[in-house]
C-alpha cells in the first residue's frame, strides 16, 4: 500500500470514532519534506489520551493498511506507538489529550480531520531555538573525555571495543555541524544530507575509518580531534562560553606522556 493510501485508510477508519477529536500528520509529511523513504508520523487527539482502548483503536486502523509485524505500544514514550507493516511502511503516532497540545504548532501539523477546530488555536510556528550552552559545554567536555580514554584503550590493547570511541567522536562532530547550520526541520537520523553543507560533508567523508588496531585507532581519534575541537572553540567563542582549557590541557598531556601524541591543532 502506498503512503497516501495508508494515510487515507487510517484517517477514514478513525474519523467517525467517538472520543477521537482530531488526527494530524506531523513530521516530514506535515512540512512537505517527505520522500518515498519517509515514515508517516501522526498526532491523534483523544478525549482520554493514550489509553489502552485508544491504542486498540489505533492498532485496528493500522491493521487495515497491512499485516503488522512490529508493534511498540507506548514503550519508550507513554504516548507514542510505533508500527511497521509487512511492506515495511513505518507509522508513528503520538496520542494526546486536547489540553496536551500546547507544544504543537500549526506549521508542524497537517489536519486530516479536526472536529473541534484545534488546529487554528495552536501557535503558528515554534519559537526560534536558542543555543543551549549548557548542553554544548557537556558535548565539548564529553568529547575531550572520550579522547582522553584513548590512552586506556591502547594501554590495555582493547582495540575491538576501543574503536567505539571513534563513533562517539563522530556523532559529536556531526551534531556540531548541524548546530553550525541551524537547519530547521531536522527529522530523523537519516536526513543529514539536507542539514549540512557540502564543505561539512567533505570533512566527514574524509575522516578515517575506525580500524580495530593500535595505529588506526589512534589516527582516527586524532583526525576527529583536529576536526571537532577548533570548530567547537570557534562556536564557544561566538556564544560567549568559557572553554574547558585546563581539562583539554591535561588530556593532551596524558596522551603525550603515555602515547607520544601531540595535539593536532593550534590551541587558543
Protein backbone atom coordinates (compact mmCIF):
# COMPACT_ATOMS: atom_id res chain seq x y z
CA UNK A 1 0.00 0.00 0.00
CA UNK A 2 1.43 3.39 -0.95
CA UNK A 3 1.79 6.06 1.71
CA UNK A 4 -1.13 8.20 0.63
CA UNK A 5 -3.44 5.19 0.71
CA UNK A 6 -2.09 4.32 4.15
CA UNK A 7 -2.83 7.84 5.38
CA UNK A 8 -6.31 7.83 3.84
CA UNK A 9 -7.13 4.37 5.20
CA UNK A 10 -6.13 5.24 8.77
CA UNK A 11 -7.90 8.59 8.65
CA UNK A 12 -11.11 7.07 7.32
CA UNK A 13 -11.03 4.30 9.92
CA UNK A 14 -10.89 6.79 12.80
CA UNK A 15 -12.71 9.89 11.60
CA UNK A 16 -16.16 8.93 12.93
CA UNK A 17 -14.91 7.18 16.07
CA UNK A 18 -16.41 8.57 19.30
CA UNK A 19 -13.81 10.10 21.55
CA UNK A 20 -11.31 10.81 18.75
CA UNK A 21 -11.30 14.56 18.21
CA UNK A 22 -8.60 15.02 15.61
CA UNK A 23 -5.91 13.36 13.55
CA UNK A 24 -2.96 15.25 12.11
CA UNK A 25 0.07 14.42 10.05
CA UNK A 26 3.32 15.57 11.64
CA UNK A 27 6.99 15.20 10.78
CA UNK A 28 8.05 15.27 7.14
CA UNK A 29 4.53 14.74 5.80
CA UNK A 30 3.38 17.89 7.59
CA UNK A 31 6.31 20.03 6.47
CA UNK A 32 6.36 18.89 2.83
CA UNK A 33 9.75 17.20 3.16
CA UNK A 34 8.59 13.59 2.83
CA UNK A 35 10.00 11.21 0.27
CA UNK A 36 9.32 7.57 -0.56
CA UNK A 37 11.58 6.50 2.31
CA UNK A 38 9.87 8.59 5.00
CA UNK A 39 7.93 7.16 7.90
CA UNK A 40 4.43 8.51 8.48
CA UNK A 41 4.07 10.48 11.68
CA UNK A 42 0.67 11.22 13.20
CA UNK A 43 -0.66 13.15 16.15
CA UNK A 44 -4.04 11.89 17.37
CA UNK A 45 -6.16 13.82 19.86
CA UNK A 46 -8.42 11.66 22.02
CA UNK A 47 -10.72 12.70 24.85
CA UNK A 48 -8.96 10.34 27.26
CA UNK A 49 -5.47 10.44 25.78
CA UNK A 50 -3.28 7.37 25.29
CA UNK A 51 -5.43 4.75 26.96
CA UNK A 52 -5.43 1.03 26.19
CA UNK A 53 -8.78 1.46 24.45
CA UNK A 54 -7.44 4.20 22.18
CA UNK A 55 -4.34 2.12 21.48
CA UNK A 56 -6.59 -0.74 20.35
CA UNK A 57 -8.45 1.62 18.02
CA UNK A 58 -5.16 2.74 16.52
CA UNK A 59 -3.99 -0.86 16.04
CA UNK A 60 -7.22 -1.75 14.27
CA UNK A 61 -6.76 1.24 11.94
CA UNK A 62 -3.13 0.40 11.14
CA UNK A 63 -4.04 -3.27 10.58
CA UNK A 64 -6.30 -2.16 7.73
CA UNK A 65 -3.18 -0.99 5.86
CA UNK A 66 -1.33 -4.32 6.07
CA UNK A 67 -0.02 -7.04 8.34
CA UNK A 68 1.59 -5.56 11.44
CA UNK A 69 5.00 -7.16 12.01
CA UNK A 70 6.32 -4.77 14.67
CA UNK A 71 4.24 -3.10 17.35
CA UNK A 72 5.81 -0.98 20.09
CA UNK A 73 2.97 0.25 22.24
CA UNK A 74 3.99 3.18 24.48
CA UNK A 75 7.31 1.52 25.30
CA UNK A 76 9.77 4.44 25.17
CA UNK A 77 7.35 7.37 25.47
CA UNK A 78 4.00 6.96 27.29
CA UNK A 79 2.03 8.46 24.39
CA UNK A 80 3.96 7.03 21.42
CA UNK A 81 3.13 3.93 19.37
CA UNK A 82 5.46 2.68 16.62
CA UNK A 83 4.39 0.16 13.99
CA UNK A 84 5.82 -1.48 10.89
CA UNK A 85 3.69 -3.41 8.41
CA UNK A 86 4.79 -6.27 6.16
CA UNK A 87 5.68 -3.93 3.27
CA UNK A 88 7.90 -2.00 5.72
CA UNK A 89 5.67 1.03 5.97
CA UNK A 90 6.54 2.72 9.26
CA UNK A 91 3.89 4.63 11.19
CA UNK A 92 4.33 6.52 14.44
CA UNK A 93 1.55 8.14 16.41
CA UNK A 94 1.59 10.43 19.42
CA UNK A 95 -1.73 10.28 21.27
CA UNK A 96 -2.61 13.38 23.27
CA UNK A 97 -5.48 14.84 25.22
CA UNK A 98 -6.74 18.22 23.98
CA UNK A 99 -5.03 20.04 26.84
CA UNK A 100 -1.68 18.43 25.92
CA UNK A 101 -1.48 20.16 22.54
CA UNK A 102 0.35 23.24 23.82
CA UNK A 103 3.72 22.28 22.32
CA UNK A 104 2.28 21.60 18.88
CA UNK A 105 2.18 24.27 16.17
CA UNK A 106 0.18 24.90 13.03
CA UNK A 107 3.34 24.69 10.96
CA UNK A 108 4.16 21.28 12.39
CA UNK A 109 0.79 19.65 11.79
CA UNK A 110 -1.38 18.97 8.75
CA UNK A 111 -5.01 18.24 9.67
CA UNK A 112 -6.62 15.06 8.36
CA UNK A 113 -9.73 15.69 10.44
CA UNK A 114 -10.21 18.18 13.24
CA UNK A 115 -13.73 18.02 14.69
CA UNK A 116 -13.14 20.62 17.42
CA UNK A 117 -11.08 23.02 15.27
CA UNK A 118 -7.98 22.63 17.42
CA UNK A 119 -5.51 23.49 14.68
CA UNK A 120 -6.35 27.23 14.44
CA UNK A 121 -5.86 27.60 18.20
CA UNK A 122 -2.22 26.49 18.07
CA UNK A 123 0.78 28.78 17.74
CA UNK A 124 1.58 29.34 14.09
CA UNK A 125 5.21 28.22 14.37
CA UNK A 126 7.67 27.23 17.08
CA UNK A 127 9.79 29.90 18.66
CA UNK A 128 13.29 30.11 17.19
CA UNK A 129 15.54 27.71 19.06
CA UNK A 130 18.10 29.34 21.30
CA UNK A 131 21.59 27.85 21.66
CA UNK A 132 21.77 25.51 24.62
CA UNK A 133 25.12 26.48 26.12
CA UNK A 134 24.82 24.02 29.00
CA UNK A 135 24.33 21.15 26.56
CA UNK A 136 27.14 22.38 24.32
CA UNK A 137 29.52 22.61 27.29
CA UNK A 138 28.70 18.99 28.12
CA UNK A 139 29.30 17.92 24.50
CA UNK A 140 32.72 19.58 24.48
CA UNK A 141 33.73 18.02 27.79
CA UNK A 142 32.41 14.62 26.72
CA UNK A 143 34.43 14.80 23.50
CA UNK A 144 37.60 15.58 25.48
CA UNK A 145 36.81 12.82 28.00
CA UNK A 146 36.38 10.18 25.29
CA UNK A 147 39.52 11.42 23.55
CA UNK A 148 41.40 11.00 26.83
CA UNK A 149 40.19 7.42 27.20
CA UNK A 150 42.33 6.57 24.18
CA UNK A 151 45.33 6.00 26.45
CA UNK A 152 43.35 3.38 28.37
CA UNK A 153 42.21 1.56 25.24
CA UNK A 154 45.73 1.49 23.81
CA UNK A 155 47.31 0.62 27.14
CA UNK A 156 45.04 -2.40 27.50
CA UNK A 157 45.22 -3.25 23.78
CA UNK A 158 41.40 -3.07 23.73
CA UNK A 159 41.25 -2.31 20.04
CA UNK A 160 37.93 -4.02 19.30
CA UNK A 161 35.95 -2.01 21.82
CA UNK A 162 38.35 0.91 21.67
CA UNK A 163 37.10 1.92 18.24
CA UNK A 164 33.71 2.63 19.81
CA UNK A 165 35.22 5.91 20.94
CA UNK A 166 35.58 6.91 17.30
CA UNK A 167 31.83 6.56 16.78
CA UNK A 168 31.18 8.80 19.79
CA UNK A 169 33.59 11.41 18.45
CA UNK A 170 31.96 11.22 15.04
CA UNK A 171 28.49 11.72 16.49
CA UNK A 172 29.73 14.80 18.35
CA UNK A 173 31.21 16.26 15.16
CA UNK A 174 28.00 15.66 13.22
CA UNK A 175 25.92 17.30 15.94
CA UNK A 176 28.24 20.29 15.99
CA UNK A 177 27.94 20.70 12.22
CA UNK A 178 24.16 20.62 12.41
CA UNK A 179 24.27 23.29 15.09
CA UNK A 180 26.52 25.38 12.86
CA UNK A 181 23.98 25.42 10.03
CA UNK A 182 20.95 25.83 12.36
CA UNK A 183 18.89 23.96 9.77
CA UNK A 184 15.17 23.71 10.60
CA UNK A 185 13.12 20.50 10.44
CA UNK A 186 15.91 18.16 11.41
CA UNK A 187 13.89 14.98 11.03
CA UNK A 188 15.39 11.60 11.85
CA UNK A 189 18.95 10.36 11.75
CA UNK A 190 18.87 9.61 8.02
CA UNK A 191 18.18 13.20 6.98
CA UNK A 192 21.72 14.50 7.36
CA UNK A 193 22.22 15.39 3.68
CA UNK A 194 19.84 18.32 3.85
CA UNK A 195 21.12 19.59 7.18
CA UNK A 196 24.79 20.20 6.50
CA UNK A 197 26.82 21.98 3.83
CA UNK A 198 28.99 20.49 1.09
CA UNK A 199 32.07 21.66 2.98
CA UNK A 200 30.92 19.84 6.09
CA UNK A 201 30.15 16.70 4.10
CA UNK A 202 33.66 16.78 2.64
CA UNK A 203 35.15 16.92 6.13
CA UNK A 204 33.07 13.97 7.31
CA UNK A 205 33.71 11.78 4.28
CA UNK A 206 37.46 12.39 4.60
CA UNK A 207 37.59 11.04 8.14
CA UNK A 208 39.49 7.74 8.52
CA UNK A 209 37.54 4.59 9.18
CA UNK A 210 37.61 3.09 12.70
CA UNK A 211 40.08 0.22 12.46
CA UNK A 212 40.48 -2.13 15.47
CA UNK A 213 44.25 -1.92 15.69
CA UNK A 214 46.60 0.42 17.50
CA UNK A 215 47.75 2.86 14.84
CA UNK A 216 44.38 3.01 13.08
CA UNK A 217 42.56 3.75 16.30
CA UNK A 218 44.99 6.49 17.25
CA UNK A 219 44.83 8.06 13.79
CA UNK A 220 41.04 8.17 13.83
CA UNK A 221 40.88 9.77 17.27
CA UNK A 222 43.38 12.43 16.24
CA UNK A 223 41.56 13.15 12.99
CA UNK A 224 38.29 13.73 14.80
CA UNK A 225 40.01 15.87 17.41
CA UNK A 226 41.54 18.01 14.66
CA UNK A 227 38.12 18.41 13.02
CA UNK A 228 35.98 18.93 16.13
CA UNK A 229 37.97 20.93 18.65
CA UNK A 230 38.83 24.00 16.52
CA UNK A 231 35.23 24.24 15.29
CA UNK A 232 33.90 23.83 18.80
CA UNK A 233 36.24 26.54 20.08
CA UNK A 234 35.02 28.96 17.43
CA UNK A 235 31.40 28.26 18.29
CA UNK A 236 32.05 28.55 22.02
CA UNK A 237 33.69 31.93 21.46
CA UNK A 238 30.75 33.09 19.35
CA UNK A 239 28.38 32.07 22.15
CA UNK A 240 30.47 33.77 24.82
CA UNK A 241 31.26 30.46 26.53
CA UNK A 242 34.28 29.63 28.62
CA UNK A 243 36.36 26.83 27.12
CA UNK A 244 37.39 23.91 29.41
CA UNK A 245 41.02 24.85 28.86
CA UNK A 246 42.53 23.05 31.81
CA UNK A 247 40.68 19.81 31.07
CA UNK A 248 41.87 19.83 27.47
CA UNK A 249 45.41 20.72 28.54
CA UNK A 250 45.79 17.80 30.95
CA UNK A 251 44.16 15.44 28.46
CA UNK A 252 46.72 16.25 25.78
CA UNK A 253 49.46 15.98 28.41
CA UNK A 254 48.27 12.48 29.34
CA UNK A 255 48.16 11.42 25.68
CA UNK A 256 51.61 12.89 25.08
CA UNK A 257 53.18 11.20 28.10
CA UNK A 258 51.53 7.82 27.56
CA UNK A 259 51.41 7.55 23.76
CA UNK A 260 53.70 10.25 22.41
CA UNK A 261 50.71 12.03 20.82
CA UNK A 262 50.75 15.76 20.19
CA UNK A 263 47.72 17.99 19.84
CA UNK A 264 46.93 18.09 16.10
CA UNK A 265 45.79 21.73 16.02
CA UNK A 266 46.92 25.09 17.32
CA UNK A 267 45.03 25.72 20.55
CA UNK A 268 43.85 29.08 21.82
